[in-house]
Every structure is written in C-alpha cells, then in structure tokens.
Protein backbone atom coordinates (compact mmCIF):
# COMPACT_ATOMS: atom_id res chain seq x y z
CA MET A 1 136.27 13.74 2.34
CA ASP A 2 132.55 13.52 2.95
CA ASN A 3 130.17 11.10 1.20
CA SER A 4 128.78 13.68 -1.28
CA THR A 5 132.30 14.52 -2.49
CA VAL A 6 133.05 10.82 -3.06
CA MET A 7 129.79 10.39 -5.01
CA LYS A 8 130.61 13.45 -7.14
CA ILE A 9 134.07 12.03 -7.99
CA LEU A 10 132.55 8.66 -8.88
CA LYS A 11 130.06 10.31 -11.25
CA GLU A 12 132.83 12.30 -12.94
CA GLU A 13 134.93 9.12 -13.40
CA GLY A 14 132.04 7.20 -14.90
CA GLY A 15 131.04 5.58 -11.63
CA SER A 16 127.50 5.35 -10.44
CA GLU A 17 125.52 5.71 -7.31
CA LYS A 18 123.81 2.34 -7.90
CA LYS A 19 124.65 -0.43 -5.53
CA ALA A 20 126.84 -3.11 -7.07
CA ALA A 21 125.03 -6.31 -7.94
CA PRO A 22 125.80 -9.01 -5.40
CA GLU A 23 128.45 -11.40 -6.65
CA LYS A 24 127.31 -14.90 -7.50
CA LYS A 25 128.51 -17.53 -5.08
CA LEU A 26 130.83 -19.97 -6.81
CA SER A 27 131.64 -23.58 -5.94
CA LYS A 28 134.81 -25.22 -7.18
CA TYR A 29 134.54 -28.62 -8.93
CA VAL A 30 137.09 -31.01 -10.37
CA ILE A 31 135.84 -32.16 -13.79
CA PHE A 32 137.35 -35.47 -14.84
CA ALA A 33 136.79 -38.18 -17.42
CA VAL A 34 136.20 -41.88 -16.96
CA GLY A 35 136.57 -43.19 -20.47
CA ASP A 36 134.51 -40.81 -22.58
CA THR A 37 132.16 -39.84 -19.75
CA PRO A 38 132.73 -36.64 -17.78
CA PHE A 39 132.04 -36.53 -14.04
CA ALA A 40 132.54 -33.91 -11.34
CA LEU A 41 133.40 -33.80 -7.67
CA PRO A 42 133.48 -30.83 -5.32
CA ALA A 43 137.13 -29.78 -5.15
CA ASP A 44 137.21 -30.06 -1.37
CA LEU A 45 136.64 -33.84 -1.75
CA VAL A 46 139.82 -34.24 -3.84
CA ARG A 47 143.08 -34.43 -1.92
CA GLU A 48 145.39 -35.22 -4.83
CA ILE A 49 145.46 -35.98 -8.54
CA SER A 50 148.05 -38.62 -9.35
CA PHE A 51 149.19 -40.15 -12.65
CA GLN A 52 151.27 -43.27 -13.38
CA ASN A 53 150.25 -45.30 -10.33
CA ASP A 54 150.90 -48.98 -9.74
CA LEU A 55 147.70 -50.83 -8.81
CA TYR A 56 147.88 -53.92 -6.63
CA TYR A 57 145.16 -56.50 -7.15
CA VAL A 58 143.32 -57.83 -4.11
CA PRO A 59 141.30 -61.05 -4.61
CA PHE A 60 137.72 -61.66 -3.50
CA LEU A 61 136.52 -58.09 -3.86
CA PRO A 62 133.74 -56.73 -6.10
CA PRO A 63 134.91 -56.30 -9.72
CA TYR A 64 134.73 -52.47 -9.53
CA VAL A 65 137.38 -52.53 -6.76
CA ARG A 66 140.58 -52.66 -8.78
CA GLY A 67 142.78 -53.20 -5.74
CA TYR A 68 144.83 -50.62 -3.94
CA ALA A 69 147.43 -47.97 -4.71
CA ASN A 70 150.22 -46.91 -2.40
CA ARG A 71 150.20 -43.13 -1.94
CA HIS A 72 152.75 -41.67 0.44
CA GLY A 73 153.04 -44.97 2.33
CA GLN A 74 149.27 -45.35 2.72
CA PRO A 75 147.14 -47.93 0.87
CA HIS A 76 144.13 -46.43 -0.94
CA THR A 77 141.28 -48.59 -2.17
CA VAL A 78 140.86 -47.94 -5.91
CA LEU A 79 137.36 -47.87 -7.40
CA ASP A 80 136.79 -48.22 -11.14
CA LEU A 81 133.64 -46.21 -11.95
CA ARG A 82 133.54 -47.50 -15.52
CA MET A 83 133.41 -51.07 -14.21
CA LEU A 84 130.69 -50.06 -11.73
CA PHE A 85 128.49 -48.27 -14.29
CA GLU A 86 129.32 -49.94 -17.63
CA LYS A 87 130.76 -53.34 -16.59
CA LYS A 88 133.96 -52.60 -18.58
CA PRO A 89 137.33 -52.09 -16.88
CA LEU A 90 139.07 -48.77 -17.41
CA ASP A 91 142.60 -49.03 -18.79
CA SER A 92 144.30 -46.26 -16.84
CA SER A 93 146.70 -45.59 -13.98
CA ALA A 94 145.50 -42.08 -13.11
CA LEU A 95 143.82 -41.54 -9.76
CA LEU A 96 141.81 -38.97 -7.87
CA ILE A 97 142.76 -39.44 -4.25
CA LEU A 98 139.71 -38.50 -2.22
CA ASN A 99 139.80 -36.30 0.85
CA ILE A 100 137.60 -38.32 3.19
CA GLU A 101 137.97 -38.49 6.93
CA ASN A 102 138.69 -42.01 8.23
CA ASP A 103 138.87 -43.52 4.74
CA GLN A 104 141.55 -44.07 2.10
CA LEU A 105 139.74 -44.10 -1.22
CA ALA A 106 140.77 -43.29 -4.81
CA LEU A 107 138.89 -43.21 -8.10
CA LEU A 108 140.44 -44.59 -11.27
CA ILE A 109 140.11 -41.91 -13.98
CA SER A 110 141.19 -41.32 -17.58
CA ASP A 111 142.13 -37.66 -17.21
CA VAL A 112 141.31 -34.40 -15.47
CA ASP A 113 139.55 -31.94 -17.78
CA GLU A 114 139.55 -28.85 -15.58
CA ILE A 115 138.96 -27.33 -12.20
CA ALA A 116 135.88 -25.18 -12.70
CA LYS A 117 134.28 -22.46 -10.63
CA VAL A 118 130.55 -23.09 -10.99
CA PRO A 119 127.88 -20.54 -10.00
CA ASP A 120 125.50 -22.01 -7.44
CA ASP A 121 122.55 -21.38 -9.79
CA ALA A 122 124.20 -23.81 -12.27
CA ILE A 123 124.16 -26.65 -9.72
CA HIS A 124 120.96 -28.68 -9.90
CA GLY A 125 119.95 -31.24 -7.29
CA LEU A 126 118.73 -34.64 -8.45
CA ALA A 127 115.86 -36.75 -7.17
CA ALA A 128 117.18 -40.28 -6.71
CA LYS A 129 114.22 -42.29 -8.02
CA GLU A 130 116.30 -45.08 -9.52
CA GLU A 131 119.10 -46.93 -7.75
CA ASP A 132 121.73 -45.74 -10.27
CA ALA A 133 120.64 -42.10 -9.84
CA ALA A 134 121.65 -42.28 -6.17
CA TYR A 135 125.31 -42.27 -7.29
CA PHE A 136 124.92 -38.66 -8.33
CA ALA A 137 124.52 -35.72 -5.96
CA ALA A 138 123.81 -33.07 -8.60
CA SER A 139 124.06 -32.01 -12.18
CA ILE A 140 126.25 -29.01 -12.89
CA GLY A 141 126.29 -26.74 -15.90
CA VAL A 142 129.81 -26.16 -17.21
CA LYS A 143 130.51 -24.49 -20.56
CA GLY A 144 127.14 -25.40 -22.03
CA ARG A 145 127.11 -29.03 -20.94
CA GLU A 146 125.56 -30.83 -18.00
CA ILE A 147 127.91 -33.01 -15.95
CA PHE A 148 126.91 -35.33 -13.13
CA ALA A 149 128.58 -34.71 -9.79
CA LEU A 150 129.21 -37.96 -7.94
CA SER A 151 127.88 -38.77 -4.49
CA VAL A 152 130.94 -40.11 -2.65
CA GLU A 153 128.69 -41.06 0.26
CA THR A 154 126.69 -43.41 -1.99
CA LEU A 155 129.88 -44.95 -3.41
CA ILE A 156 131.17 -45.65 0.10
CA LYS A 157 127.84 -47.19 1.17
CA ARG A 158 127.84 -49.43 -1.92
CA LEU A 159 131.42 -50.55 -1.23
CA GLU A 160 130.65 -51.29 2.44
CA ARG A 161 127.51 -53.24 1.51
CA ASP A 162 129.28 -55.30 -1.17
CA VAL A 163 132.32 -56.08 1.00
CA GLU A 164 130.07 -57.24 3.89
CA ARG A 165 128.48 -59.81 1.54
CA ILE A 166 131.84 -61.44 0.82
C-alpha cells in the first residue's frame, strides 16, 4: 500500500493528515503527607513505602533524627520532617525508604496520597532565597494544588552538618 492510499483510508475513517501533537513529557512523583502537609518526591528517589515500622532511638542526635529503622537487615536513619519544619514530632510509624546511593535514609510520613504523573510544564523551579526554601527543589501542580517537592540533597547536607557539630 502506498502513502496516498493510507491517507485516503485515514480520511474515510475520520483520521486526519495533520501531524499528531507531541506528547507531553511526564515525571512520576510520590505525593505523601507529613501531618496535614503534602510533600512530593520524584518516584525514582523512593525505594520502598513501609508501614508499621519499629523505630529505635539513638541518643545525642538532632531532634529531627528519630533514630533508625531496620529494613531488610539494614539500618536506615529516620528523619522527621515535621520536627525539622514545625518543631513538633510526628506520631507515625510509616516510612518512605529513599533510594540513595551510599546512604540509608528514610522519611517519617503520615500517609502516601498518590503516585502522580506530572507534566513537565507543571513543575516549577524555586529560587532558594531563604534558608528554609533550600529544602525544596520545586513546586508541582497536582489536581489544582501546588505541592513542594523536597530536595533530598539539602536534607542530607543538613544532617551531615548537624551531626558533625555533635
């Protein structure tokens, strides 16, 4: 079948000769809650979502380090974002186990809201003018609301800096 025959069939079936609009590039994010506050992380930074974890307290660490959790025989340092941002401990045992090379880190969370595919034009970079703003890599638009995506790199730098001071 030659090209003109294919185009004729497409027209008869309601097709068109117009080129298809390029598909929007999508990025996958895990949307989760810490207390009442939603946050996001790129899905490739999340290795596992785990509920009902035992947390083991470790003394002499910053208050936002809740201790560690044993996941598959490996200790993971557990960070409490609510304690870091609001100075109130989060009452939860749910964790996001992060997928970070050469590090075993988990975030204490309330719940996972969804895993969303976000168009790249709905991801907005942030200018880190204030120290607290550096904890966020972007703002993403999901279902009519803006959610801050965390900067794991900034969290790790803060943890390293605070632990060195001890």
